[in-house]
Amino acid sequence: MYTTYHLSSAQEATIEILEAIKAAFKTKPIIITVEEELDTTAYLMSNPANKAMLEKSIRQAKNGELIEVKPENL
């Protein structure tokens, strides 16, 4: 089983979260990994292809080259 907990900050880590993990996994061996979550922009910019596409889109927006998309056309 695989479970991910997303917290706004480390201050949200509570005993209740630990108890939920213990209840879910009971006596099974587990690995707990803690990593800092990237914000959306940093995550997208971490991939060179995504970064190039985002930078191109930003340039187009600054130049007024916008494409209007209506929800009913999605």
PDB file of N, CA and C in Angstrom:
ATOM      1  N   MET A   1       0.847  -1.176   0.000  1.00  0.00           N
ATOM      2  CA  MET A   1       0.000   0.000   0.000  1.00  0.00           C
ATOM      3  C   MET A   1       0.887   1.232   0.000  1.00  0.00           C
ATOM      4  N   TYR A   2       0.394   2.297  -0.601  1.00  0.00           N
ATOM      5  CA  TYR A   2       1.137   3.543  -0.709  1.00  0.00           C
ATOM      6  C   TYR A   2       0.215   4.680  -0.304  1.00  0.00           C
ATOM      7  N   THR A   3       0.645   5.533   0.594  1.00  0.00           N
ATOM      8  CA  THR A   3      -0.162   6.658   1.049  1.00  0.00           C
ATOM      9  C   THR A   3       0.702   7.906   1.103  1.00  0.00           C
ATOM     10  N   THR A   4       0.153   9.029   0.645  1.00  0.00           N
ATOM     11  CA  THR A   4       0.858  10.295   0.683  1.00  0.00           C
ATOM     12  C   THR A   4       0.060  11.282   1.524  1.00  0.00           C
ATOM     13  N   TYR A   5       0.727  11.948   2.432  1.00  0.00           N
ATOM     14  CA  TYR A   5       0.121  13.000   3.240  1.00  0.00           C
ATOM     15  C   TYR A   5       0.730  14.319   2.793  1.00  0.00           C
ATOM     16  N   HIS A   6      -0.095  15.284   2.419  1.00  0.00           N
ATOM     17  CA  HIS A   6       0.385  16.612   2.040  1.00  0.00           C
ATOM     18  C   HIS A   6       0.034  17.574   3.172  1.00  0.00           C
ATOM     19  N   LEU A   7       1.049  18.188   3.730  1.00  0.00           N
ATOM     20  CA  LEU A   7       0.855  19.132   4.824  1.00  0.00           C
ATOM     21  C   LEU A   7       1.318  20.517   4.380  1.00  0.00           C
ATOM     22  N   SER A   8       0.643  21.549   4.849  1.00  0.00           N
ATOM     23  CA  SER A   8       1.035  22.917   4.518  1.00  0.00           C
ATOM     24  C   SER A   8       2.365  23.289   5.144  1.00  0.00           C
ATOM     25  N   SER A   9       2.634  22.709   6.290  1.00  0.00           N
ATOM     26  CA  SER A   9       3.917  22.941   6.958  1.00  0.00           C
ATOM     27  C   SER A   9       4.171  21.795   7.929  1.00  0.00           C
ATOM     28  N   ALA A  10       5.387  21.715   8.400  1.00  0.00           N
ATOM     29  CA  ALA A  10       5.741  20.677   9.364  1.00  0.00           C
ATOM     30  C   ALA A  10       4.951  20.838  10.664  1.00  0.00           C
ATOM     31  N   GLN A  11       4.472  22.038  10.915  1.00  0.00           N
ATOM     32  CA  GLN A  11       3.712  22.292  12.140  1.00  0.00           C
ATOM     33  C   GLN A  11       2.388  21.525  12.152  1.00  0.00           C
ATOM     34  N   GLU A  12       1.929  21.065  10.979  1.00  0.00           N
ATOM     35  CA  GLU A  12       0.682  20.300  10.910  1.00  0.00           C
ATOM     36  C   GLU A  12       0.876  18.816  11.232  1.00  0.00           C
ATOM     37  N   ALA A  13       2.111  18.373  11.378  1.00  0.00           N
ATOM     38  CA  ALA A  13       2.368  16.980  11.730  1.00  0.00           C
ATOM     39  C   ALA A  13       1.916  16.756  13.171  1.00  0.00           C
ATOM     40  N   THR A  14       0.939  15.906  13.338  1.00  0.00           N
ATOM     41  CA  THR A  14       0.360  15.698  14.667  1.00  0.00           C
ATOM     42  C   THR A  14       0.412  14.220  15.042  1.00  0.00           C
ATOM     43  N   ILE A  15       0.152  13.959  16.269  1.00  0.00           N
ATOM     44  CA  ILE A  15       0.071  12.582  16.748  1.00  0.00           C
ATOM     45  C   ILE A  15      -1.064  11.849  16.048  1.00  0.00           C
ATOM     46  N   GLU A  16      -2.113  12.582  15.662  1.00  0.00           N
ATOM     47  CA  GLU A  16      -3.241  11.961  14.966  1.00  0.00           C
ATOM     48  C   GLU A  16      -2.811  11.389  13.612  1.00  0.00           C
ATOM     49  N   ILE A  17      -1.912  12.080  12.917  1.00  0.00           N
ATOM     50  CA  ILE A  17      -1.408  11.567  11.638  1.00  0.00           C
ATOM     51  C   ILE A  17      -0.609  10.287  11.880  1.00  0.00           C
ATOM     52  N   LEU A  18       0.232  10.286  12.888  1.00  0.00           N
ATOM     53  CA  LEU A  18       0.997   9.084  13.225  1.00  0.00           C
ATOM     54  C   LEU A  18       0.060   7.930  13.594  1.00  0.00           C
ATOM     55  N   GLU A  19      -0.969   8.214  14.347  1.00  0.00           N
ATOM     56  CA  GLU A  19      -1.938   7.175  14.722  1.00  0.00           C
ATOM     57  C   GLU A  19      -2.668   6.653  13.477  1.00  0.00           C
ATOM     58  N   ALA A  20      -2.969   7.518  12.518  1.00  0.00           N
ATOM     59  CA  ALA A  20      -3.627   7.084  11.281  1.00  0.00           C
ATOM     60  C   ALA A  20      -2.709   6.162  10.481  1.00  0.00           C
ATOM     61  N   ILE A  21      -1.424   6.484  10.446  1.00  0.00           N
ATOM     62  CA  ILE A  21      -0.449   5.631   9.757  1.00  0.00           C
ATOM     63  C   ILE A  21      -0.378   4.270  10.452  1.00  0.00           C
ATOM     64  N   LYS A  22      -0.304   4.284  11.763  1.00  0.00           N
ATOM     65  CA  LYS A  22      -0.243   3.029  12.515  1.00  0.00           C
ATOM     66  C   LYS A  22      -1.493   2.193  12.281  1.00  0.00           C
ATOM     67  N   ALA A  23      -2.655   2.819  12.225  1.00  0.00           N
ATOM     68  CA  ALA A  23      -3.904   2.093  12.005  1.00  0.00           C
ATOM     69  C   ALA A  23      -3.965   1.516  10.599  1.00  0.00           C
ATOM     70  N   ALA A  24      -3.460   2.261   9.623  1.00  0.00           N
ATOM     71  CA  ALA A  24      -3.527   1.811   8.232  1.00  0.00           C
ATOM     72  C   ALA A  24      -2.561   0.670   7.942  1.00  0.00           C
ATOM     73  N   PHE A  25      -1.388   0.718   8.531  1.00  0.00           N
ATOM     74  CA  PHE A  25      -0.351  -0.265   8.188  1.00  0.00           C
ATOM     75  C   PHE A  25      -0.161  -1.350   9.251  1.00  0.00           C
ATOM     76  N   LYS A  26      -0.755  -1.154  10.404  1.00  0.00           N
ATOM     77  CA  LYS A  26      -0.711  -2.115  11.502  1.00  0.00           C
ATOM     78  C   LYS A  26       0.704  -2.652  11.755  1.00  0.00           C
ATOM     79  N   THR A  27       0.953  -3.939  11.542  1.00  0.00           N
ATOM     80  CA  THR A  27       2.258  -4.530  11.866  1.00  0.00           C
ATOM     81  C   THR A  27       3.176  -4.663  10.651  1.00  0.00           C
ATOM     82  N   LYS A  28       2.753  -4.111   9.513  1.00  0.00           N
ATOM     83  CA  LYS A  28       3.577  -4.205   8.300  1.00  0.00           C
ATOM     84  C   LYS A  28       4.801  -3.295   8.410  1.00  0.00           C
ATOM     85  N   PRO A  29       5.922  -3.719   7.844  1.00  0.00           N
ATOM     86  CA  PRO A  29       7.090  -2.820   7.824  1.00  0.00           C
ATOM     87  C   PRO A  29       6.787  -1.616   6.933  1.00  0.00           C
ATOM     88  N   ILE A  30       7.243  -0.442   7.310  1.00  0.00           N
ATOM     89  CA  ILE A  30       6.993   0.765   6.519  1.00  0.00           C
ATOM     90  C   ILE A  30       8.276   1.582   6.371  1.00  0.00           C
ATOM     91  N   ILE A  31       8.267   2.461   5.402  1.00  0.00           N
ATOM     92  CA  ILE A  31       9.332   3.448   5.204  1.00  0.00           C
ATOM     93  C   ILE A  31       8.671   4.817   5.253  1.00  0.00           C
ATOM     94  N   ILE A  32       9.220   5.707   6.036  1.00  0.00           N
ATOM     95  CA  ILE A  32       8.701   7.072   6.090  1.00  0.00           C
ATOM     96  C   ILE A  32       9.759   7.990   5.496  1.00  0.00           C
ATOM     97  N   THR A  33       9.379   8.686   4.429  1.00  0.00           N
ATOM     98  CA  THR A  33      10.270   9.633   3.764  1.00  0.00           C
ATOM     99  C   THR A  33       9.640  11.008   3.861  1.00  0.00           C
ATOM    100  N   VAL A  34      10.412  11.994   4.246  1.00  0.00           N
ATOM    101  CA  VAL A  34       9.917  13.362   4.342  1.00  0.00           C
ATOM    102  C   VAL A  34      10.714  14.210   3.367  1.00  0.00           C
ATOM    103  N   GLU A  35       9.994  14.938   2.508  1.00  0.00           N
ATOM    104  CA  GLU A  35      10.665  15.827   1.569  1.00  0.00           C
ATOM    105  C   GLU A  35       9.889  17.131   1.465  1.00  0.00           C
ATOM    106  N   GLU A  36      10.605  18.178   1.168  1.00  0.00           N
ATOM    107  CA  GLU A  36       9.975  19.477   0.989  1.00  0.00           C
ATOM    108  C   GLU A  36       9.205  19.462  -0.325  1.00  0.00           C
ATOM    109  N   GLU A  37       7.956  19.914  -0.281  1.00  0.00           N
ATOM    110  CA  GLU A  37       7.126  19.922  -1.473  1.00  0.00           C
ATOM    111  C   GLU A  37       7.422  21.176  -2.290  1.00  0.00           C
ATOM    112  N   LEU A  38       7.670  20.974  -3.585  1.00  0.00           N
ATOM    113  CA  LEU A  38       7.891  22.106  -4.474  1.00  0.00           C
ATOM    114  C   LEU A  38       6.570  22.796  -4.769  1.00  0.00           C
ATOM    115  N   ASP A  39       6.610  24.121  -4.913  1.00  0.00           N
ATOM    116  CA  ASP A  39       5.397  24.768  -5.373  1.00  0.00           C
ATOM    117  C   ASP A  39       5.201  24.435  -6.848  1.00  0.00           C
ATOM    118  N   THR A  40       4.031  24.664  -7.372  1.00  0.00           N
ATOM    119  CA  THR A  40       3.684  24.250  -8.729  1.00  0.00           C
ATOM    120  C   THR A  40       4.641  24.820  -9.761  1.00  0.00           C
ATOM    121  N   THR A  41       4.970  26.097  -9.646  1.00  0.00           N
ATOM    122  CA  THR A  41       5.863  26.723 -10.624  1.00  0.00           C
ATOM    123  C   THR A  41       7.243  26.080 -10.575  1.00  0.00           C
ATOM    124  N   ALA A  42       7.787  25.890  -9.399  1.00  0.00           N
ATOM    125  CA  ALA A  42       9.114  25.275  -9.268  1.00  0.00           C
ATOM    126  C   ALA A  42       9.106  23.860  -9.833  1.00  0.00           C
ATOM    127  N   TYR A  43       8.025  23.131  -9.583  1.00  0.00           N
ATOM    128  CA  TYR A  43       7.920  21.768 -10.105  1.00  0.00           C
ATOM    129  C   TYR A  43       7.923  21.780 -11.632  1.00  0.00           C
ATOM    130  N   LEU A  44       7.107  22.628 -12.230  1.00  0.00           N
ATOM    131  CA  LEU A  44       7.036  22.683 -13.695  1.00  0.00           C
ATOM    132  C   LEU A  44       8.344  23.176 -14.297  1.00  0.00           C
ATOM    133  N   MET A  45       9.005  24.112 -13.644  1.00  0.00           N
ATOM    134  CA  MET A  45      10.257  24.666 -14.169  1.00  0.00           C
ATOM    135  C   MET A  45      11.428  23.695 -13.993  1.00  0.00           C
ATOM    136  N   SER A  46      11.263  22.646 -13.212  1.00  0.00           N
ATOM    137  CA  SER A  46      12.357  21.705 -12.988  1.00  0.00           C
ATOM    138  C   SER A  46      12.602  20.799 -14.199  1.00  0.00           C
ATOM    139  N   ASN A  47      11.647  20.730 -15.102  1.00  0.00           N
ATOM    140  CA  ASN A  47      11.799  19.938 -16.324  1.00  0.00           C
ATOM    141  C   ASN A  47      12.141  20.885 -17.475  1.00  0.00           C
ATOM    142  N   PRO A  48      13.275  20.686 -18.179  1.00  0.00           N
ATOM    143  CA  PRO A  48      13.689  21.607 -19.235  1.00  0.00           C
ATOM    144  C   PRO A  48      12.635  21.825 -20.329  1.00  0.00           C
ATOM    145  N   ALA A  49      11.930  20.784 -20.727  1.00  0.00           N
ATOM    146  CA  ALA A  49      10.912  20.933 -21.775  1.00  0.00           C
ATOM    147  C   ALA A  49       9.741  21.778 -21.271  1.00  0.00           C
ATOM    148  N   ASN A  50       9.299  21.521 -20.035  1.00  0.00           N
ATOM    149  CA  ASN A  50       8.223  22.321 -19.449  1.00  0.00           C
ATOM    150  C   ASN A  50       8.655  23.771 -19.280  1.00  0.00           C
ATOM    151  N   LYS A  51       9.898  23.960 -18.829  1.00  0.00           N
ATOM    152  CA  LYS A  51      10.411  25.308 -18.612  1.00  0.00           C
ATOM    153  C   LYS A  51      10.401  26.104 -19.908  1.00  0.00           C
ATOM    154  N   ALA A  52      10.855  25.497 -21.005  1.00  0.00           N
ATOM    155  CA  ALA A  52      10.879  26.180 -22.300  1.00  0.00           C
ATOM    156  C   ALA A  52       9.468  26.547 -22.740  1.00  0.00           C
ATOM    157  N   MET A  53       8.524  25.620 -22.558  1.00  0.00           N
ATOM    158  CA  MET A  53       7.148  25.885 -22.958  1.00  0.00           C
ATOM    159  C   MET A  53       6.531  27.002 -22.115  1.00  0.00           C
ATOM    160  N   LEU A  54       6.782  26.987 -20.811  1.00  0.00           N
ATOM    161  CA  LEU A  54       6.252  28.032 -19.934  1.00  0.00           C
ATOM    162  C   LEU A  54       6.846  29.392 -20.265  1.00  0.00           C
ATOM    163  N   GLU A  55       8.155  29.427 -20.501  1.00  0.00           N
ATOM    164  CA  GLU A  55       8.798  30.701 -20.848  1.00  0.00           C
ATOM    165  C   GLU A  55       8.251  31.244 -22.158  1.00  0.00           C
ATOM    166  N   LYS A  56       8.001  30.366 -23.132  1.00  0.00           N
ATOM    167  CA  LYS A  56       7.415  30.789 -24.407  1.00  0.00           C
ATOM    168  C   LYS A  56       6.009  31.345 -24.177  1.00  0.00           C
ATOM    169  N   SER A  57       5.219  30.669 -23.368  1.00  0.00           N
ATOM    170  CA  SER A  57       3.865  31.126 -23.076  1.00  0.00           C
ATOM    171  C   SER A  57       3.869  32.476 -22.371  1.00  0.00           C
ATOM    172  N   ILE A  58       4.811  32.681 -21.462  1.00  0.00           N
ATOM    173  CA  ILE A  58       4.915  33.955 -20.747  1.00  0.00           C
ATOM    174  C   ILE A  58       5.259  35.076 -21.730  1.00  0.00           C
ATOM    175  N   ARG A  59       6.216  34.806 -22.629  1.00  0.00           N
ATOM    176  CA  ARG A  59       6.565  35.811 -23.644  1.00  0.00           C
ATOM    177  C   ARG A  59       5.358  36.148 -24.518  1.00  0.00           C
ATOM    178  N   GLN A  60       4.621  35.128 -24.941  1.00  0.00           N
ATOM    179  CA  GLN A  60       3.440  35.351 -25.774  1.00  0.00           C
ATOM    180  C   GLN A  60       2.401  36.182 -25.021  1.00  0.00           C
ATOM    181  N   ALA A  61       2.198  35.894 -23.764  1.00  0.00           N
ATOM    182  CA  ALA A  61       1.220  36.647 -22.975  1.00  0.00           C
ATOM    183  C   ALA A  61       1.645  38.098 -22.834  1.00  0.00           C
ATOM    184  N   LYS A  62       2.939  38.329 -22.591  1.00  0.00           N
ATOM    185  CA  LYS A  62       3.439  39.698 -22.473  1.00  0.00           C
ATOM    186  C   LYS A  62       3.294  40.466 -23.773  1.00  0.00           C
ATOM    187  N   ASN A  63       3.355  39.749 -24.904  1.00  0.00           N
ATOM    188  CA  ASN A  63       3.212  40.373 -26.213  1.00  0.00           C
ATOM    189  C   ASN A  63       1.757  40.457 -26.661  1.00  0.00           C
ATOM    190  N   GLY A  64       0.836  40.063 -25.805  1.00  0.00           N
ATOM    191  CA  GLY A  64      -0.583  40.125 -26.144  1.00  0.00           C
ATOM    192  C   GLY A  64      -1.053  39.013 -27.058  1.00  0.00           C
ATOM    193  N   GLU A  65      -0.242  37.984 -27.210  1.00  0.00           N
ATOM    194  CA  GLU A  65      -0.603  36.861 -28.076  1.00  0.00           C
ATOM    195  C   GLU A  65      -1.368  35.820 -27.265  1.00  0.00           C
ATOM    196  N   LEU A  66      -2.578  36.177 -26.872  1.00  0.00           N
ATOM    197  CA  LEU A  66      -3.374  35.308 -26.019  1.00  0.00           C
ATOM    198  C   LEU A  66      -4.384  34.526 -26.852  1.00  0.00           C
ATOM    199  N   ILE A  67      -4.697  33.334 -26.397  1.00  0.00           N
ATOM    200  CA  ILE A  67      -5.695  32.500 -27.045  1.00  0.00           C
ATOM    201  C   ILE A  67      -6.852  32.363 -26.079  1.00  0.00           C
ATOM    202  N   GLU A  68      -8.034  32.753 -26.534  1.00  0.00           N
ATOM    203  CA  GLU A  68      -9.216  32.644 -25.684  1.00  0.00           C
ATOM    204  C   GLU A  68      -9.811  31.256 -25.813  1.00  0.00           C
ATOM    205  N   VAL A  69     -10.031  30.614 -24.688  1.00  0.00           N
ATOM    206  CA  VAL A  69     -10.608  29.274 -24.676  1.00  0.00           C
ATOM    207  C   VAL A  69     -11.883  29.340 -23.832  1.00  0.00           C
ATOM    208  N   LYS A  70     -12.969  28.902 -24.418  1.00  0.00           N
ATOM    209  CA  LYS A  70     -14.248  28.884 -23.706  1.00  0.00           C
ATOM    210  C   LYS A  70     -14.461  27.494 -23.122  1.00  0.00           C
ATOM    211  N   PRO A  71     -15.008  27.426 -21.903  1.00  0.00           N
ATOM    212  CA  PRO A  71     -15.200  26.120 -21.256  1.00  0.00           C
ATOM    213  C   PRO A  71     -15.968  25.118 -22.119  1.00  0.00           C
ATOM    214  N   GLU A  72     -16.940  25.600 -22.869  1.00  0.00           N
ATOM    215  CA  GLU A  72     -17.722  24.672 -23.691  1.00  0.00           C
ATOM    216  C   GLU A  72     -16.923  24.087 -24.852  1.00  0.00           C
ATOM    217  N   ASN A  73     -15.758  24.664 -25.152  1.00  0.00           N
ATOM    218  CA  ASN A  73     -14.915  24.156 -26.233  1.00  0.00           C
ATOM    219  C   ASN A  73     -13.854  23.180 -25.742  1.00  0.00           C
ATOM    220  N   LEU A  74     -13.823  22.952 -24.441  1.00  0.00           N
ATOM    221  CA  LEU A  74     -12.815  22.034 -23.886  1.00  0.00           C
ATOM    222  C   LEU A  74     -13.208  20.609 -24.032  1.00  0.00           C
TER     223      LEU A  74
END
